[in-house]
Amino acid sequence: MNVSVVICTYSMHRYDPFSECVESVLAQTYEPLEIVLVVDGNEDVFERVDDDFGDCENVVLHNNDENKGISYSRTKGAEIASGEIVAFTDDDATAEPDWIEKLVAVYEETDAIAVGGDVQPDWQTEKPAFFPEEFYWLVGVVEPGFASDGEEVRNTYGSNISYRREAFLNVGGYDPNTGRKGDKHLQAHEAPAGIRLLEEYGRGMVFTEEAVVHHKLFDYRGDFQWLVSRSFWQGYSKRVMDLLYPNAPDNKSAYLKQLLTHFVPKRLKGLVRSPSVAEVTQLLSIVVFTGAVGLGYLYAMLTPNVVEKANS
């Protein structure tokens, strides 16, 4: 089974983690493996990528003619790729050596149309005491209760996700109006692709906890104000997704319900048994982040033509 891994980057200040990411994929135990490196419209970065990796076997390089965002870049990488399976990871992540091997095992053992794996935190600073693991999804890390091993979900996180390439491209890949691009706030470009796969093929993505990627979490991802803003725009994005795909399964609503009915009561019981400042601040953070998600959703509800604005 031929596999292509697509890694996108766009800025010189991200080059060191990007380079570590590429090296971790070059060190994979699985063969045959193609690596597609997509630079999003930055000639200086592309020249350095070419210098460092252009001579590597089975590495393909591409530079967009202008900055077009992560969703366009990933889809472009999938179009360039030759593998039966196309896998994606972020330029600030590093993969375990058997990452692709573990993803492929699921494809070989099942009829999976898409497979995603575990994303673990790789803090580049001390983890903030106030940051609850229940909200790891804000920073692209698998949170407690995300899924069981082998469970079918709508989608996993972008640092550890793969598809049968033909099916992925058949449903249009990632929507270029979603994902990171300049100051656009519409997030979670994996969700629409997962929804379209479900609609077209009637199957979701299989989660495997054995395929592991480590996502670097820099200082700003532990900043309280940044996390509140991130929560707000997650709520905003959820409202847009609800309007675009009203009948789609809703992973995050189910998780927020689980948060309020299981995780919060569990934390309250633990706090009664063993009070601590860290537990109190994390519980308060859960309340604030949940409220910010709700405010973002409400803001989108009150914004005229929110879908058109998101796509503009």
Protein backbone atom coordinates (compact mmCIF):
# COMPACT_ATOMS: atom_id res chain seq x y z
CA MET A 1 0.00 0.00 0.00
CA ASN A 2 1.66 3.21 -1.19
CA VAL A 3 1.41 6.12 1.26
CA SER A 4 2.06 9.82 0.78
CA VAL A 5 2.55 12.21 3.70
CA VAL A 6 1.74 15.87 3.09
CA ILE A 7 3.38 18.53 5.28
CA CYS A 8 2.61 22.22 4.71
CA THR A 9 4.44 25.28 5.99
CA TYR A 10 4.47 28.98 5.25
CA SER A 11 6.81 31.02 7.45
CA MET A 12 10.51 31.08 8.25
CA HIS A 13 9.83 31.48 11.97
CA ARG A 14 8.24 28.00 11.90
CA TYR A 15 11.12 26.44 9.99
CA ASP A 16 12.89 24.70 12.87
CA PRO A 17 9.80 22.76 14.06
CA PHE A 18 8.90 22.11 10.40
CA SER A 19 12.35 20.63 9.82
CA GLU A 20 11.96 18.40 12.90
CA CYS A 21 8.59 17.29 11.57
CA VAL A 22 10.03 16.34 8.18
CA GLU A 23 12.91 14.46 9.79
CA SER A 24 10.45 12.45 11.90
CA VAL A 25 8.57 11.43 8.75
CA LEU A 26 11.79 10.59 6.90
CA ALA A 27 12.57 8.25 9.82
CA GLN A 28 9.34 6.25 9.46
CA THR A 29 9.61 2.47 9.56
CA TYR A 30 7.05 2.06 6.77
CA GLU A 31 7.86 1.69 3.07
CA PRO A 32 7.06 2.69 0.36
CA LEU A 33 6.59 6.26 1.57
CA GLU A 34 6.40 9.50 -0.41
CA ILE A 35 6.70 12.89 1.31
CA VAL A 36 5.07 15.95 -0.26
CA LEU A 37 6.26 19.30 1.14
CA VAL A 38 4.03 22.25 0.29
CA VAL A 39 5.19 25.83 0.97
CA ASP A 40 2.35 28.33 0.99
CA GLY A 41 3.60 31.10 -1.25
CA ASN A 42 6.91 31.97 0.46
CA GLU A 43 9.88 31.85 -1.92
CA ASP A 44 12.50 32.22 0.84
CA VAL A 45 11.07 29.28 2.75
CA PHE A 46 10.79 27.22 -0.43
CA GLU A 47 14.45 27.82 -1.29
CA ARG A 48 15.52 26.60 2.14
CA VAL A 49 13.24 23.56 1.91
CA ASP A 50 14.76 22.80 -1.48
CA ASP A 51 18.29 23.12 -0.05
CA ASP A 52 17.54 20.86 2.91
CA PHE A 53 15.22 18.23 1.42
CA GLY A 54 15.20 18.64 -2.35
CA ASP A 55 17.75 15.86 -2.87
CA CYS A 56 16.04 13.38 -0.53
CA GLU A 57 14.65 10.26 -2.16
CA ASN A 58 10.85 10.18 -2.56
CA VAL A 59 10.45 13.82 -1.50
CA VAL A 60 8.31 16.07 -3.72
CA LEU A 61 8.35 19.88 -3.35
CA HIS A 62 5.75 22.48 -4.29
CA ASN A 63 5.41 26.23 -3.68
CA ASN A 64 2.03 27.92 -4.09
CA ASP A 65 2.13 31.02 -6.28
CA GLU A 66 0.67 33.00 -3.35
CA ASN A 67 -0.46 32.45 0.22
CA LYS A 68 -3.68 30.43 -0.05
CA GLY A 69 -4.07 28.89 3.40
CA ILE A 70 -3.65 25.49 5.00
CA SER A 71 -6.77 23.92 3.48
CA TYR A 72 -5.80 24.78 -0.10
CA SER A 73 -2.20 23.68 0.54
CA ARG A 74 -3.18 20.31 1.97
CA THR A 75 -5.57 19.59 -0.88
CA LYS A 76 -2.91 20.65 -3.37
CA GLY A 77 -0.48 18.28 -1.70
CA ALA A 78 -3.01 15.44 -2.01
CA GLU A 79 -3.43 16.22 -5.71
CA ILE A 80 0.34 16.09 -6.22
CA ALA A 81 0.72 12.91 -4.16
CA SER A 82 0.84 9.49 -5.80
CA GLY A 83 -0.01 7.30 -2.80
CA GLU A 84 -3.17 5.26 -2.38
CA ILE A 85 -3.30 6.69 1.13
CA VAL A 86 -2.60 10.36 1.89
CA ALA A 87 -1.69 11.30 5.46
CA PHE A 88 -1.34 14.78 6.94
CA THR A 89 0.55 16.17 9.88
CA ASP A 90 1.26 19.73 11.03
CA ASP A 91 4.56 21.55 10.65
CA ASP A 92 4.81 21.85 14.45
CA ALA A 93 4.35 18.15 15.15
CA THR A 94 6.66 15.15 15.25
CA ALA A 95 5.60 11.59 14.50
CA GLU A 96 6.54 8.38 16.26
CA PRO A 97 8.68 6.16 13.95
CA ASP A 98 5.84 3.66 13.49
CA TRP A 99 3.13 6.31 12.91
CA ILE A 100 2.44 5.41 9.28
CA GLU A 101 2.87 1.70 9.97
CA LYS A 102 0.10 1.85 12.58
CA LEU A 103 -2.23 3.87 10.34
CA VAL A 104 -1.73 1.46 7.44
CA ALA A 105 -2.46 -1.53 9.70
CA VAL A 106 -6.01 -0.25 10.18
CA TYR A 107 -6.53 0.15 6.42
CA GLU A 108 -5.24 -3.37 5.84
CA GLU A 109 -7.34 -4.94 8.59
CA THR A 110 -10.60 -3.08 7.89
CA ASP A 111 -12.47 -1.39 5.06
CA ALA A 112 -11.70 2.04 6.55
CA ILE A 113 -12.01 5.00 4.22
CA ALA A 114 -10.10 7.27 6.61
CA VAL A 115 -7.95 6.71 9.69
CA GLY A 116 -6.70 9.11 12.35
CA GLY A 117 -4.52 8.66 15.38
CA ASP A 118 -3.61 10.00 18.79
CA VAL A 119 -2.17 13.51 19.21
CA GLN A 120 -0.23 14.01 22.44
CA PRO A 121 0.93 17.34 23.92
CA ASP A 122 4.58 18.32 23.54
CA TRP A 123 4.78 21.41 25.74
CA GLN A 124 7.63 23.75 24.78
CA THR A 125 7.07 25.56 28.06
CA GLU A 126 5.69 24.52 31.42
CA LYS A 127 2.08 23.44 31.13
CA PRO A 128 -0.10 26.19 32.69
CA ALA A 129 -1.60 25.07 35.97
CA PHE A 130 -5.01 26.45 34.96
CA PHE A 131 -5.25 24.52 31.68
CA PRO A 132 -7.66 21.54 31.98
CA GLU A 133 -6.99 18.46 29.85
CA GLU A 134 -10.69 18.42 28.96
CA PHE A 135 -9.98 21.38 26.68
CA TYR A 136 -6.91 19.95 24.95
CA TRP A 137 -9.00 20.00 21.76
CA LEU A 138 -8.53 23.78 21.72
CA VAL A 139 -4.86 23.22 20.92
CA GLY A 140 -5.27 20.26 18.59
CA VAL A 141 -4.50 17.55 21.16
CA VAL A 142 -6.69 14.53 21.88
CA GLU A 143 -8.72 15.16 25.02
CA PRO A 144 -9.94 12.57 27.58
CA GLY A 145 -13.01 10.76 26.29
CA PHE A 146 -12.36 11.63 22.64
CA ALA A 147 -12.90 8.09 21.33
CA SER A 148 -12.14 4.45 22.02
CA ASP A 149 -9.50 2.60 20.05
CA GLY A 150 -11.08 1.41 16.80
CA GLU A 151 -14.13 3.67 17.17
CA GLU A 152 -15.54 5.42 14.10
CA VAL A 153 -15.63 9.21 14.44
CA ARG A 154 -16.38 12.10 12.10
CA ASN A 155 -12.75 13.21 12.09
CA THR A 156 -9.60 13.32 14.19
CA TYR A 157 -7.22 16.26 14.56
CA GLY A 158 -5.17 17.65 11.69
CA SER A 159 -1.80 16.64 13.11
CA ASN A 160 -2.69 12.97 12.73
CA ILE A 161 -5.18 12.27 9.97
CA SER A 162 -5.27 10.22 6.76
CA TYR A 163 -7.61 9.25 3.94
CA ARG A 164 -7.90 7.01 0.96
CA ARG A 165 -6.65 9.61 -1.50
CA GLU A 166 -9.20 8.95 -4.23
CA ALA A 167 -12.12 9.31 -1.81
CA PHE A 168 -10.65 12.45 -0.22
CA LEU A 169 -10.27 14.17 -3.59
CA ASN A 170 -13.63 12.87 -4.79
CA VAL A 171 -15.40 14.86 -2.05
CA GLY A 172 -13.35 17.96 -2.84
CA GLY A 173 -10.61 17.68 -0.23
CA TYR A 174 -10.49 20.50 2.31
CA ASP A 175 -12.61 23.59 1.78
CA PRO A 176 -10.17 26.49 1.10
CA ASN A 177 -12.54 28.84 2.95
CA THR A 178 -11.82 27.03 6.23
CA GLY A 179 -8.63 26.54 8.18
CA ARG A 180 -5.74 28.86 8.93
CA LYS A 181 -5.33 31.72 6.45
CA GLY A 182 -4.32 35.22 7.47
CA ASP A 183 -6.84 36.57 9.98
CA LYS A 184 -9.72 34.30 8.99
CA HIS A 185 -11.42 32.81 12.02
CA LEU A 186 -13.29 29.85 10.55
CA GLN A 187 -11.64 26.77 12.04
CA ALA A 188 -11.75 22.97 11.83
CA HIS A 189 -11.32 22.27 8.13
CA GLU A 190 -11.23 18.53 8.92
CA ALA A 191 -14.89 18.51 9.95
CA PRO A 192 -16.45 19.42 6.55
CA ALA A 193 -14.29 16.82 4.79
CA GLY A 194 -15.38 14.18 7.31
CA ILE A 195 -19.01 15.15 6.86
CA ARG A 196 -18.79 14.92 3.06
CA LEU A 197 -17.15 11.49 3.32
CA LEU A 198 -20.01 10.33 5.54
CA GLU A 199 -22.57 11.66 3.10
CA GLU A 200 -20.86 10.15 0.06
CA TYR A 201 -19.66 6.81 1.42
CA GLY A 202 -21.65 6.29 4.62
CA ARG A 203 -18.50 5.74 6.66
CA GLY A 204 -16.54 7.85 9.11
CA MET A 205 -12.93 7.89 10.22
CA VAL A 206 -11.48 5.10 12.34
CA PHE A 207 -9.53 6.28 15.40
CA THR A 208 -6.46 4.30 16.42
CA GLU A 209 -4.64 5.19 19.60
CA GLU A 210 -1.54 3.28 18.46
CA ALA A 211 -0.59 5.79 15.73
CA VAL A 212 0.95 8.63 17.72
CA VAL A 213 2.01 12.18 16.85
CA HIS A 214 3.34 14.77 19.30
CA HIS A 215 2.05 18.32 18.80
CA LYS A 216 4.35 21.13 19.95
CA LEU A 217 2.57 23.59 22.22
CA PHE A 218 4.41 26.90 22.35
CA ASP A 219 3.99 29.66 24.93
CA TYR A 220 1.05 31.35 23.24
CA ARG A 221 -1.03 28.16 23.36
CA GLY A 222 -0.89 28.36 27.13
CA ASP A 223 -1.91 32.01 27.27
CA PHE A 224 -5.30 32.37 28.97
CA GLN A 225 -6.47 35.23 26.77
CA TRP A 226 -5.50 33.33 23.61
CA LEU A 227 -7.39 30.27 24.81
CA VAL A 228 -10.52 32.29 25.56
CA SER A 229 -10.35 33.82 22.07
CA ARG A 230 -9.78 30.38 20.58
CA SER A 231 -12.84 29.08 22.45
CA PHE A 232 -14.94 31.96 21.13
CA TRP A 233 -14.00 31.30 17.50
CA GLN A 234 -14.54 27.58 17.95
CA GLY A 235 -18.11 28.41 18.94
CA TYR A 236 -18.42 30.73 15.94
CA SER A 237 -17.11 28.03 13.62
CA LYS A 238 -19.51 25.48 15.09
CA ARG A 239 -22.46 27.71 14.22
CA VAL A 240 -21.22 28.04 10.63
CA MET A 241 -20.83 24.25 10.39
CA ASP A 242 -24.36 23.80 11.75
CA LEU A 243 -25.70 26.06 9.00
CA LEU A 244 -23.66 24.41 6.25
CA TYR A 245 -24.31 20.83 7.42
CA PRO A 246 -27.48 20.81 9.54
CA ASN A 247 -27.86 17.02 9.52
CA ALA A 248 -24.23 16.16 10.25
CA PRO A 249 -23.11 14.37 13.42
CA ASP A 250 -21.85 16.85 16.01
CA ASN A 251 -18.79 15.58 17.89
CA LYS A 252 -18.20 18.74 19.90
CA SER A 253 -21.78 19.13 21.14
CA ALA A 254 -21.65 15.53 22.35
CA TYR A 255 -18.34 16.21 24.06
CA LEU A 256 -19.57 19.40 25.73
CA LYS A 257 -22.53 17.43 27.07
CA GLN A 258 -20.12 14.78 28.38
CA LEU A 259 -18.03 17.56 29.89
CA LEU A 260 -20.96 19.00 31.83
CA THR A 261 -22.54 15.70 32.86
CA HIS A 262 -19.42 13.63 33.59
CA PHE A 263 -16.12 15.49 33.77
CA VAL A 264 -17.26 18.54 35.75
CA PRO A 265 -19.15 16.48 38.39
CA LYS A 266 -16.11 14.20 38.64
CA ARG A 267 -13.87 17.21 39.22
CA LEU A 268 -16.24 18.64 41.82
CA LYS A 269 -16.19 15.35 43.75
CA GLY A 270 -12.40 15.31 43.57
CA LEU A 271 -12.25 18.90 44.78
CA VAL A 272 -14.39 18.05 47.81
CA ARG A 273 -12.15 15.09 48.67
CA SER A 274 -8.85 16.87 48.03
CA PRO A 275 -9.05 20.66 47.62
CA SER A 276 -6.24 22.35 45.67
CA VAL A 277 -5.63 25.68 43.95
CA ALA A 278 -4.85 23.92 40.65
CA GLU A 279 -8.17 22.03 40.71
CA VAL A 280 -10.10 25.23 41.44
CA THR A 281 -8.41 27.20 38.65
CA GLN A 282 -8.91 24.37 36.15
CA LEU A 283 -12.58 24.10 37.05
CA LEU A 284 -12.97 27.86 36.62
CA SER A 285 -11.19 27.63 33.26
CA ILE A 286 -13.66 24.98 32.13
CA VAL A 287 -16.51 27.36 32.98
CA VAL A 288 -14.86 30.31 31.17
CA PHE A 289 -13.89 28.33 28.06
CA THR A 290 -17.33 26.73 27.81
CA GLY A 291 -18.93 30.15 28.17
CA ALA A 292 -16.67 31.58 25.46
CA VAL A 293 -17.69 28.78 23.09
CA GLY A 294 -21.33 29.63 23.78
CA LEU A 295 -20.75 33.35 23.21
CA GLY A 296 -19.02 32.62 19.91
CA TYR A 297 -21.94 30.50 18.79
CA LEU A 298 -24.40 33.24 19.83
CA TYR A 299 -22.35 35.91 18.05
CA ALA A 300 -22.48 33.88 14.85
CA MET A 301 -26.25 33.43 15.26
CA LEU A 302 -26.65 37.21 15.48
CA THR A 303 -24.29 37.95 12.59
CA PRO A 304 -26.16 38.54 9.30
CA ASN A 305 -25.00 36.39 6.38
CA VAL A 306 -22.47 34.61 8.59
CA VAL A 307 -21.79 31.86 6.03
CA GLU A 308 -21.17 34.34 3.23
CA LYS A 309 -18.81 36.34 5.46
CA ALA A 310 -16.92 33.19 6.44
CA ASN A 311 -16.45 32.33 2.76
CA SER A 312 -15.42 35.83 1.68
